[in-house]
Amino acid sequence: MQSRVEPIRDGTTELLQWGGSILGSSVLVIVLLFTLLGGVGAEGAHNNAGWLALIIGAMSLPFGLMLTLLGLAKWLRRRSLEKQR
């Protein structure tokens, strides 16, 4: 009887998926802010949609980056632990 090794379910995949999607969407929002929504001047965005994009981008960019970096760190740790076995 051969035992099958179950993959480790420690949330690494979910962190990478959600972090990458949040990071990607925030980059998209910031690109749209500077291209289609009038950009940002010395006093802020030029219209209401620009302000909304600025707020969303400013909140989600650091959060998505944090989740992605945490997922990468967990992935590297898991990979090093698997090499030790």
Protein backbone atom coordinates (compact mmCIF):
# COMPACT_ATOMS: atom_id res chain seq x y z
CA MET A 1 0.00 0.00 0.00
CA GLN A 2 1.47 3.28 -1.11
CA SER A 3 0.81 6.44 0.89
CA ARG A 4 0.01 9.61 -0.95
CA VAL A 5 1.52 12.83 0.34
CA GLU A 6 -1.05 15.59 0.69
CA PRO A 7 0.06 19.08 -0.33
CA ILE A 8 0.59 21.50 2.52
CA ARG A 9 -2.45 23.74 3.06
CA ASP A 10 -0.91 26.70 4.86
CA GLY A 11 -2.56 29.52 2.92
CA THR A 12 0.42 30.33 0.73
CA THR A 13 -1.48 29.89 -2.52
CA GLU A 14 -4.35 32.03 -1.32
CA LEU A 15 -2.00 34.79 -0.18
CA LEU A 16 -0.28 34.81 -3.55
CA GLN A 17 -3.55 34.76 -5.50
CA TRP A 18 -5.29 37.48 -3.50
CA GLY A 19 -2.17 39.60 -3.08
CA GLY A 20 -1.44 39.44 -6.78
CA SER A 21 -4.99 40.29 -7.77
CA ILE A 22 -5.22 43.23 -5.35
CA LEU A 23 -1.79 44.48 -6.42
CA GLY A 24 -2.68 44.13 -10.10
CA SER A 25 -6.00 45.91 -9.74
CA SER A 26 -4.41 48.78 -7.80
CA VAL A 27 -1.76 49.23 -10.49
CA LEU A 28 -4.53 49.25 -13.09
CA VAL A 29 -6.47 51.90 -11.14
CA ILE A 30 -3.38 54.09 -10.82
CA VAL A 31 -2.60 53.76 -14.53
CA LEU A 32 -6.19 54.71 -15.33
CA LEU A 33 -5.91 57.68 -12.96
CA PHE A 34 -2.93 59.10 -14.80
CA THR A 35 -4.15 58.28 -18.33
CA LEU A 36 -7.93 58.54 -18.58
CA LEU A 37 -9.03 60.35 -15.43
CA GLY A 38 -7.00 63.54 -15.79
CA GLY A 39 -4.05 62.78 -13.56
CA VAL A 40 -3.06 64.35 -10.28
CA GLY A 41 -1.97 67.94 -9.79
CA ALA A 42 -0.53 69.84 -6.86
CA GLU A 43 -3.95 70.00 -5.21
CA GLY A 44 -5.01 66.43 -5.92
CA ALA A 45 -7.05 64.77 -8.64
CA HIS A 46 -8.90 66.86 -11.19
CA ASN A 47 -12.36 65.29 -10.91
CA ASN A 48 -14.46 63.07 -8.66
CA ALA A 49 -13.61 59.85 -10.49
CA GLY A 50 -9.94 60.75 -10.18
CA TRP A 51 -10.30 61.23 -6.43
CA LEU A 52 -12.00 57.86 -6.10
CA ALA A 53 -9.24 56.19 -8.12
CA LEU A 54 -6.59 57.95 -6.02
CA ILE A 55 -8.15 56.75 -2.77
CA ILE A 56 -8.57 53.17 -4.01
CA GLY A 57 -5.04 53.06 -5.40
CA ALA A 58 -3.51 54.56 -2.25
CA MET A 59 -5.27 52.01 -0.04
CA SER A 60 -4.93 48.87 -2.11
CA LEU A 61 -1.36 49.24 -3.42
CA PRO A 62 0.39 48.82 -0.04
CA PHE A 63 -2.06 46.13 1.09
CA GLY A 64 -1.64 44.10 -2.11
CA LEU A 65 2.13 44.48 -1.93
CA MET A 66 2.13 43.32 1.70
CA LEU A 67 0.02 40.23 0.92
CA THR A 68 2.16 39.35 -2.09
CA LEU A 69 5.42 39.70 -0.16
CA LEU A 70 4.03 37.61 2.70
CA GLY A 71 2.94 34.92 0.23
CA LEU A 72 6.37 34.93 -1.41
CA ALA A 73 8.09 34.63 1.97
CA LYS A 74 5.86 31.69 2.95
CA TRP A 75 6.46 30.06 -0.43
CA LEU A 76 10.26 30.39 -0.08
CA ARG A 77 10.11 29.01 3.47
CA ARG A 78 7.96 26.06 2.41
CA ARG A 79 10.33 25.38 -0.49
CA SER A 80 13.37 25.40 1.80
CA LEU A 81 11.62 23.08 4.28
CA GLU A 82 10.78 20.65 1.48
CA LYS A 83 14.43 20.58 0.37
CA GLN A 84 15.52 19.67 3.89
CA ARG A 85 13.39 16.51 3.90
